[in-house]
PDB file of N, CA and C in Angstrom:
ATOM      1  N   MET A   1       0.610  -1.144   0.100  1.00  0.00           N
ATOM      2  CA  MET A   1       0.040   0.058   0.115  1.00  0.00           C
ATOM      3  C   MET A   1       1.105   1.457  -0.041  1.00  0.00           C
ATOM      4  N   ILE A   2       0.544   2.312  -0.672  1.00  0.00           N
ATOM      5  CA  ILE A   2       1.286   3.572  -0.779  1.00  0.00           C
ATOM      6  C   ILE A   2       0.414   4.817  -0.883  1.00  0.00           C
ATOM      7  N   MET A   3       0.785   5.481   0.157  1.00  0.00           N
ATOM      8  CA  MET A   3      -0.027   6.704   0.430  1.00  0.00           C
ATOM      9  C   MET A   3       0.693   7.889  -0.121  1.00  0.00           C
ATOM     10  N   ALA A   4      -0.026   8.793  -0.937  1.00  0.00           N
ATOM     11  CA  ALA A   4       0.442   9.679  -1.774  1.00  0.00           C
ATOM     12  C   ALA A   4      -0.271  10.703  -1.688  1.00  0.00           C
ATOM     13  N   ASP A   5       0.271  12.249  -1.843  1.00  0.00           N
ATOM     14  CA  ASP A   5      -0.655  13.437  -2.090  1.00  0.00           C
ATOM     15  C   ASP A   5      -1.189  13.560  -3.314  1.00  0.00           C
ATOM     16  N   THR A   6      -2.212  14.523  -3.126  1.00  0.00           N
ATOM     17  CA  THR A   6      -3.047  14.519  -4.548  1.00  0.00           C
ATOM     18  C   THR A   6      -1.959  15.392  -5.403  1.00  0.00           C
ATOM     19  N   GLY A   7      -2.113  14.928  -6.719  1.00  0.00           N
ATOM     20  CA  GLY A   7      -1.206  15.050  -7.720  1.00  0.00           C
ATOM     21  C   GLY A   7      -0.069  14.579  -8.019  1.00  0.00           C
ATOM     22  N   ILE A   8       0.175  13.188  -7.293  1.00  0.00           N
ATOM     23  CA  ILE A   8       1.067  12.284  -7.604  1.00  0.00           C
ATOM     24  C   ILE A   8       0.397  11.506  -8.337  1.00  0.00           C
ATOM     25  N   ASN A   9       1.098  11.282  -9.714  1.00  0.00           N
ATOM     26  CA  ASN A   9       0.590  10.273 -10.665  1.00  0.00           C
ATOM     27  C   ASN A   9       1.286   9.089 -10.831  1.00  0.00           C
ATOM     28  N   ILE A  10       1.197   8.232  -9.816  1.00  0.00           N
ATOM     29  CA  ILE A  10       1.985   6.905  -9.994  1.00  0.00           C
ATOM     30  C   ILE A  10       1.212   5.630 -10.156  1.00  0.00           C
ATOM     31  N   CYS A  11      -0.263   6.072 -10.707  1.00  0.00           N
ATOM     32  CA  CYS A  11      -1.267   4.784 -10.470  1.00  0.00           C
ATOM     33  C   CYS A  11      -0.737   3.665 -11.566  1.00  0.00           C
ATOM     34  N   ASN A  12      -0.305   3.879 -12.736  1.00  0.00           N
ATOM     35  CA  ASN A  12       0.084   2.761 -13.534  1.00  0.00           C
ATOM     36  C   ASN A  12       1.322   2.136 -12.674  1.00  0.00           C
ATOM     37  N   GLU A  13       2.301   2.610 -12.275  1.00  0.00           N
ATOM     38  CA  GLU A  13       3.281   1.936 -11.596  1.00  0.00           C
ATOM     39  C   GLU A  13       2.701   1.052 -10.308  1.00  0.00           C
ATOM     40  N   CYS A  14       1.805   1.269  -9.798  1.00  0.00           N
ATOM     41  CA  CYS A  14       1.184   0.496  -8.233  1.00  0.00           C
ATOM     42  C   CYS A  14       0.422  -0.590  -8.895  1.00  0.00           C
ATOM     43  N   GLU A  15      -0.233  -0.348 -10.157  1.00  0.00           N
ATOM     44  CA  GLU A  15      -1.112  -1.306 -10.681  1.00  0.00           C
ATOM     45  C   GLU A  15      -0.070  -2.403 -11.092  1.00  0.00           C
ATOM     46  N   GLN A  16       1.038  -2.240 -12.041  1.00  0.00           N
ATOM     47  CA  GLN A  16       2.051  -3.142 -12.449  1.00  0.00           C
ATOM     48  C   GLN A  16       2.623  -3.867 -11.475  1.00  0.00           C
ATOM     49  N   ARG A  17       2.745  -3.267 -10.057  1.00  0.00           N
ATOM     50  CA  ARG A  17       3.456  -4.000  -8.955  1.00  0.00           C
ATOM     51  C   ARG A  17       2.297  -4.547  -8.144  1.00  0.00           C
ATOM     52  N   GLY A  18       0.890  -4.478  -8.082  1.00  0.00           N
ATOM     53  CA  GLY A  18       0.138  -5.088  -7.403  1.00  0.00           C
ATOM     54  C   GLY A  18      -0.027  -4.309  -6.306  1.00  0.00           C
ATOM     55  N   LEU A  19      -0.042  -2.978  -5.943  1.00  0.00           N
ATOM     56  CA  LEU A  19      -0.009  -2.039  -5.042  1.00  0.00           C
ATOM     57  C   LEU A  19      -1.282  -1.232  -4.813  1.00  0.00           C
ATOM     58  N   SER A  20      -1.556  -1.058  -3.814  1.00  0.00           N
ATOM     59  CA  SER A  20      -2.773  -0.131  -3.607  1.00  0.00           C
ATOM     60  C   SER A  20      -2.536   1.351  -3.348  1.00  0.00           C
ATOM     61  N   LEU A  21      -3.096   2.145  -3.898  1.00  0.00           N
ATOM     62  CA  LEU A  21      -2.494   3.783  -3.923  1.00  0.00           C
ATOM     63  C   LEU A  21      -3.916   4.302  -3.258  1.00  0.00           C
ATOM     64  N   TYR A  22      -3.588   5.239  -2.069  1.00  0.00           N
ATOM     65  CA  TYR A  22      -4.479   5.695  -1.473  1.00  0.00           C
ATOM     66  C   TYR A  22      -4.047   7.228  -1.441  1.00  0.00           C
ATOM     67  N   VAL A  23      -4.790   7.702  -2.121  1.00  0.00           N
ATOM     68  CA  VAL A  23      -4.552   9.386  -2.053  1.00  0.00           C
ATOM     69  C   VAL A  23      -5.969  10.079  -1.658  1.00  0.00           C
ATOM     70  N   PRO A  24      -5.948  11.389  -0.561  1.00  0.00           N
ATOM     71  CA  PRO A  24      -6.897  11.888  -0.146  1.00  0.00           C
ATOM     72  C   PRO A  24      -7.786  12.452  -1.282  1.00  0.00           C
ATOM     73  N   HIS A  25      -9.052  12.429  -1.139  1.00  0.00           N
ATOM     74  CA  HIS A  25     -10.002  13.326  -1.942  1.00  0.00           C
ATOM     75  C   HIS A  25      -9.999  14.602  -1.896  1.00  0.00           C
ATOM     76  N   GLY A  26     -10.129  15.252  -2.925  1.00  0.00           N
ATOM     77  CA  GLY A  26     -10.116  16.507  -3.150  1.00  0.00           C
ATOM     78  C   GLY A  26     -11.837  16.988  -3.265  1.00  0.00           C
ATOM     79  N   LYS A  27     -11.999  18.723  -3.500  1.00  0.00           N
ATOM     80  CA  LYS A  27     -12.877  18.969  -3.204  1.00  0.00           C
ATOM     81  C   LYS A  27     -13.594  19.034  -4.829  1.00  0.00           C
ATOM     82  N   CYS A  28     -12.785  18.803  -5.761  1.00  0.00           N
ATOM     83  CA  CYS A  28     -13.162  18.880  -7.274  1.00  0.00           C
ATOM     84  C   CYS A  28     -13.550  20.385  -7.403  1.00  0.00           C
ATOM     85  N   CYS A  29     -14.736  20.019  -8.170  1.00  0.00           N
ATOM     86  CA  CYS A  29     -15.668  21.096  -8.645  1.00  0.00           C
ATOM     87  C   CYS A  29     -17.060  21.319  -7.512  1.00  0.00           C
ATOM     88  N   HIS A  30     -17.314  20.447  -6.748  1.00  0.00           N
ATOM     89  CA  HIS A  30     -18.306  20.694  -5.658  1.00  0.00           C
ATOM     90  C   HIS A  30     -17.905  21.599  -4.478  1.00  0.00           C
ATOM     91  N   SER A  31     -19.026  22.131  -3.884  1.00  0.00           N
ATOM     92  CA  SER A  31     -18.498  23.285  -2.956  1.00  0.00           C
ATOM     93  C   SER A  31     -18.105  22.298  -1.454  1.00  0.00           C
ATOM     94  N   GLN A  32     -18.738  21.226  -1.593  1.00  0.00           N
ATOM     95  CA  GLN A  32     -18.457  20.350  -0.131  1.00  0.00           C
ATOM     96  C   GLN A  32     -18.150  19.169  -0.556  1.00  0.00           C
ATOM     97  N   MET A  33     -17.090  18.490   0.313  1.00  0.00           N
ATOM     98  CA  MET A  33     -16.995  16.880   0.038  1.00  0.00           C
ATOM     99  C   MET A  33     -18.159  16.281   0.623  1.00  0.00           C
ATOM    100  N   THR A  34     -18.405  14.993   0.116  1.00  0.00           N
ATOM    101  CA  THR A  34     -19.403  14.112   0.320  1.00  0.00           C
ATOM    102  C   THR A  34     -18.625  13.262   1.672  1.00  0.00           C
ATOM    103  N   SER A  35     -19.947  13.040   2.424  1.00  0.00           N
ATOM    104  CA  SER A  35     -19.648  12.291   3.868  1.00  0.00           C
ATOM    105  C   SER A  35     -18.287  11.224   3.675  1.00  0.00           C
ATOM    106  N   SER A  36     -18.814  10.269   2.799  1.00  0.00           N
ATOM    107  CA  SER A  36     -17.834   9.155   2.642  1.00  0.00           C
ATOM    108  C   SER A  36     -16.437   9.593   2.288  1.00  0.00           C
ATOM    109  N   SER A  37     -16.486  10.652   1.417  1.00  0.00           N
ATOM    110  CA  SER A  37     -15.135  11.307   1.333  1.00  0.00           C
ATOM    111  C   SER A  37     -14.139  11.826   2.480  1.00  0.00           C
ATOM    112  N   VAL A  38     -15.325  12.778   3.375  1.00  0.00           N
ATOM    113  CA  VAL A  38     -14.551  13.102   4.473  1.00  0.00           C
ATOM    114  C   VAL A  38     -14.071  12.175   5.328  1.00  0.00           C
ATOM    115  N   PHE A  39     -15.057  10.965   5.711  1.00  0.00           N
ATOM    116  CA  PHE A  39     -14.623   9.805   6.140  1.00  0.00           C
ATOM    117  C   PHE A  39     -13.140   9.179   5.925  1.00  0.00           C
ATOM    118  N   ASP A  40     -13.112   8.802   4.434  1.00  0.00           N
ATOM    119  CA  ASP A  40     -11.827   8.453   3.835  1.00  0.00           C
ATOM    120  C   ASP A  40     -10.735   9.329   3.988  1.00  0.00           C
ATOM    121  N   THR A  41     -10.909  10.604   3.924  1.00  0.00           N
ATOM    122  CA  THR A  41      -9.871  11.390   3.968  1.00  0.00           C
ATOM    123  C   THR A  41      -9.352  11.462   5.521  1.00  0.00           C
ATOM    124  N   LYS A  42     -10.197  11.494   6.483  1.00  0.00           N
ATOM    125  CA  LYS A  42      -9.597  11.476   7.651  1.00  0.00           C
ATOM    126  C   LYS A  42      -9.171  10.434   8.239  1.00  0.00           C
ATOM    127  N   ARG A  43      -9.503   8.661   7.788  1.00  0.00           N
ATOM    128  CA  ARG A  43      -8.938   7.688   7.863  1.00  0.00           C
ATOM    129  C   ARG A  43      -7.547   7.616   7.551  1.00  0.00           C
ATOM    130  N   ILE A  44      -7.326   8.199   6.116  1.00  0.00           N
ATOM    131  CA  ILE A  44      -5.896   8.282   5.553  1.00  0.00           C
ATOM    132  C   ILE A  44      -4.903   9.231   6.230  1.00  0.00           C
ATOM    133  N   SER A  45      -5.412  10.305   6.695  1.00  0.00           N
ATOM    134  CA  SER A  45      -4.677  11.312   7.303  1.00  0.00           C
ATOM    135  C   SER A  45      -4.154  10.873   8.647  1.00  0.00           C
ATOM    136  N   ASN A  46      -5.093  10.160   9.333  1.00  0.00           N
ATOM    137  CA  ASN A  46      -4.647   9.494  10.558  1.00  0.00           C
ATOM    138  C   ASN A  46      -3.509   8.449  10.568  1.00  0.00           C
ATOM    139  N   ASN A  47      -3.522   7.780   9.191  1.00  0.00           N
ATOM    140  CA  ASN A  47      -2.640   6.725   9.169  1.00  0.00           C
ATOM    141  C   ASN A  47      -1.184   7.408   8.805  1.00  0.00           C
ATOM    142  N   ARG A  48      -1.618   8.699   7.827  1.00  0.00           N
ATOM    143  CA  ARG A  48      -0.197   9.039   7.652  1.00  0.00           C
ATOM    144  C   ARG A  48       0.594   9.902   8.612  1.00  0.00           C
ATOM    145  N   ILE A  49      -0.096  10.400   9.493  1.00  0.00           N
ATOM    146  CA  ILE A  49       0.267  11.122  10.919  1.00  0.00           C
ATOM    147  C   ILE A  49       1.325  10.028  11.474  1.00  0.00           C
ATOM    148  N   ILE A  50       0.829   8.539  11.718  1.00  0.00           N
ATOM    149  CA  ILE A  50       1.525   7.779  12.471  1.00  0.00           C
ATOM    150  C   ILE A  50       2.707   7.106  11.635  1.00  0.00           C
ATOM    151  N   ILE A  51       2.737   7.274  10.445  1.00  0.00           N
ATOM    152  CA  ILE A  51       3.667   6.865   9.622  1.00  0.00           C
ATOM    153  C   ILE A  51       4.741   7.786   9.580  1.00  0.00           C
ATOM    154  N   GLU A  52       4.199   8.935   9.820  1.00  0.00           N
ATOM    155  CA  GLU A  52       5.266  10.043   9.740  1.00  0.00           C
ATOM    156  C   GLU A  52       5.961  10.095  10.936  1.00  0.00           C
ATOM    157  N   GLN A  53       5.441   9.797  12.329  1.00  0.00           N
ATOM    158  CA  GLN A  53       5.892   9.635  13.592  1.00  0.00           C
ATOM    159  C   GLN A  53       6.976   8.594  13.359  1.00  0.00           C
ATOM    160  N   VAL A  54       6.455   7.591  13.190  1.00  0.00           N
ATOM    161  CA  VAL A  54       7.547   6.266  12.604  1.00  0.00           C
ATOM    162  C   VAL A  54       8.940   6.546  12.055  1.00  0.00           C
ATOM    163  N   ILE A  55       8.423   7.354  11.009  1.00  0.00           N
ATOM    164  CA  ILE A  55       9.779   7.669  10.350  1.00  0.00           C
ATOM    165  C   ILE A  55      10.525   8.460  11.006  1.00  0.00           C
ATOM    166  N   ARG A  56      10.036   9.679  11.810  1.00  0.00           N
ATOM    167  CA  ARG A  56      10.797  10.746  12.580  1.00  0.00           C
ATOM    168  C   ARG A  56      11.582   9.824  13.754  1.00  0.00           C
ATOM    169  N   ARG A  57      11.021   8.711  14.109  1.00  0.00           N
ATOM    170  CA  ARG A  57      11.637   8.299  15.493  1.00  0.00           C
ATOM    171  C   ARG A  57      12.531   7.408  14.664  1.00  0.00           C
ATOM    172  N   LEU A  58      12.665   6.461  13.846  1.00  0.00           N
ATOM    173  CA  LEU A  58      13.640   5.929  13.057  1.00  0.00           C
ATOM    174  C   LEU A  58      14.728   7.045  12.876  1.00  0.00           C
ATOM    175  N   LYS A  59      14.633   7.861  12.302  1.00  0.00           N
ATOM    176  CA  LYS A  59      15.600   8.998  12.166  1.00  0.00           C
ATOM    177  C   LYS A  59      16.222   9.489  13.431  1.00  0.00           C
ATOM    178  N   THR A  60      15.652   9.834  14.205  1.00  0.00           N
ATOM    179  CA  THR A  60      15.804  10.462  15.616  1.00  0.00           C
ATOM    180  C   THR A  60      17.247   9.410  16.447  1.00  0.00           C
ATOM    181  N   PHE A  61      16.433   8.432  16.457  1.00  0.00           N
ATOM    182  CA  PHE A  61      16.929   7.313  17.347  1.00  0.00           C
ATOM    183  C   PHE A  61      17.872   6.601  16.702  1.00  0.00           C
ATOM    184  N   GLN A  62      18.188   6.866  15.164  1.00  0.00           N
ATOM    185  CA  GLN A  62      19.047   5.895  14.431  1.00  0.00           C
ATOM    186  C   GLN A  62      18.819   4.634  14.416  1.00  0.00           C
ATOM    187  N   ILE A  63      17.750   3.969  14.536  1.00  0.00           N
ATOM    188  CA  ILE A  63      17.548   2.837  14.710  1.00  0.00           C
ATOM    189  C   ILE A  63      17.787   2.011  13.696  1.00  0.00           C
ATOM    190  N   LEU A  64      17.749   2.394  12.403  1.00  0.00           N
ATOM    191  CA  LEU A  64      18.385   1.412  11.275  1.00  0.00           C
ATOM    192  C   LEU A  64      19.704   1.968  10.788  1.00  0.00           C
ATOM    193  N   ALA A  65      20.577   2.536  11.607  1.00  0.00           N
ATOM    194  CA  ALA A  65      21.752   3.038  11.375  1.00  0.00           C
ATOM    195  C   ALA A  65      22.912   1.909  10.914  1.00  0.00           C
ATOM    196  N   ASN A  66      22.761   1.283  11.555  1.00  0.00           N
ATOM    197  CA  ASN A  66      23.608  -0.200  11.342  1.00  0.00           C
ATOM    198  C   ASN A  66      23.107  -1.420  10.979  1.00  0.00           C
ATOM    199  N   GLU A  67      23.774  -2.254  10.310  1.00  0.00           N
ATOM    200  CA  GLU A  67      23.189  -3.590  10.106  1.00  0.00           C
ATOM    201  C   GLU A  67      22.596  -4.366  11.077  1.00  0.00           C
ATOM    202  N   PHE A  68      20.985  -4.840  11.033  1.00  0.00           N
ATOM    203  CA  PHE A  68      20.409  -5.844  11.895  1.00  0.00           C
ATOM    204  C   PHE A  68      20.695  -7.296  11.611  1.00  0.00           C
ATOM    205  N   PRO A  69      21.178  -8.089  12.310  1.00  0.00           N
ATOM    206  CA  PRO A  69      21.311  -9.482  12.136  1.00  0.00           C
ATOM    207  C   PRO A  69      19.977  -9.814  11.995  1.00  0.00           C
ATOM    208  N   ILE A  70      19.996 -10.803  10.780  1.00  0.00           N
ATOM    209  CA  ILE A  70      18.427 -11.339  10.430  1.00  0.00           C
ATOM    210  C   ILE A  70      18.049 -12.474  11.550  1.00  0.00           C
ATOM    211  N   SER A  71      18.840 -12.970  12.445  1.00  0.00           N
ATOM    212  CA  SER A  71      18.662 -13.723  13.639  1.00  0.00           C
ATOM    213  C   SER A  71      18.009 -13.259  14.493  1.00  0.00           C
ATOM    214  N   MET A  72      18.081 -11.883  14.508  1.00  0.00           N
ATOM    215  CA  MET A  72      17.505 -11.091  15.902  1.00  0.00           C
ATOM    216  C   MET A  72      16.172 -10.586  15.101  1.00  0.00           C
ATOM    217  N   ILE A  73      15.482 -10.753  14.258  1.00  0.00           N
ATOM    218  CA  ILE A  73      14.357 -10.177  13.618  1.00  0.00           C
ATOM    219  C   ILE A  73      12.955 -10.489  14.389  1.00  0.00           C
ATOM    220  N   SER A  74      12.984 -11.757  15.179  1.00  0.00           N
ATOM    221  CA  SER A  74      12.105 -12.103  16.033  1.00  0.00           C
ATOM    222  C   SER A  74      11.885 -11.249  17.455  1.00  0.00           C
ATOM    223  N   HIS A  75      13.130 -10.280  17.655  1.00  0.00           N
ATOM    224  CA  HIS A  75      12.999  -9.430  18.826  1.00  0.00           C
ATOM    225  C   HIS A  75      12.436  -8.104  18.273  1.00  0.00           C
ATOM    226  N   MET A  76      12.269  -7.886  16.984  1.00  0.00           N
ATOM    227  CA  MET A  76      11.760  -6.947  16.553  1.00  0.00           C
ATOM    228  C   MET A  76      10.138  -6.744  16.361  1.00  0.00           C
ATOM    229  N   MET A  77       9.589  -7.988  16.069  1.00  0.00           N
ATOM    230  CA  MET A  77       8.306  -8.080  15.484  1.00  0.00           C
ATOM    231  C   MET A  77       7.447  -8.131  16.990  1.00  0.00           C
ATOM    232  N   PRO A  78       6.206  -7.605  16.634  1.00  0.00           N
ATOM    233  CA  PRO A  78       5.448  -7.452  17.834  1.00  0.00           C
ATOM    234  C   PRO A  78       4.786  -8.958  18.015  1.00  0.00           C
ATOM    235  N   CYS A  79       4.631  -9.360  19.500  1.00  0.00           N
ATOM    236  CA  CYS A  79       3.911 -10.683  19.719  1.00  0.00           C
ATOM    237  C   CYS A  79       2.407 -10.926  18.904  1.00  0.00           C
TER     238      CYS A  79
END
């Protein structure tokens, strides 16, 4: 799954690789978004915030700065 901002045109590349592309809905030509579009946009935004926080923590704490032995992968995965 890939999350992207409006205006990113990678639909064909995602389809070729079997990936889902999630892009927030825009208002288009309407004065208001539909309730389903608002719900989808909120859901996508909440997930993007979590992903951005994880990336920030990876950078701040340099979690992936060094090689990680494959034998220790079980210690990284949640139970």
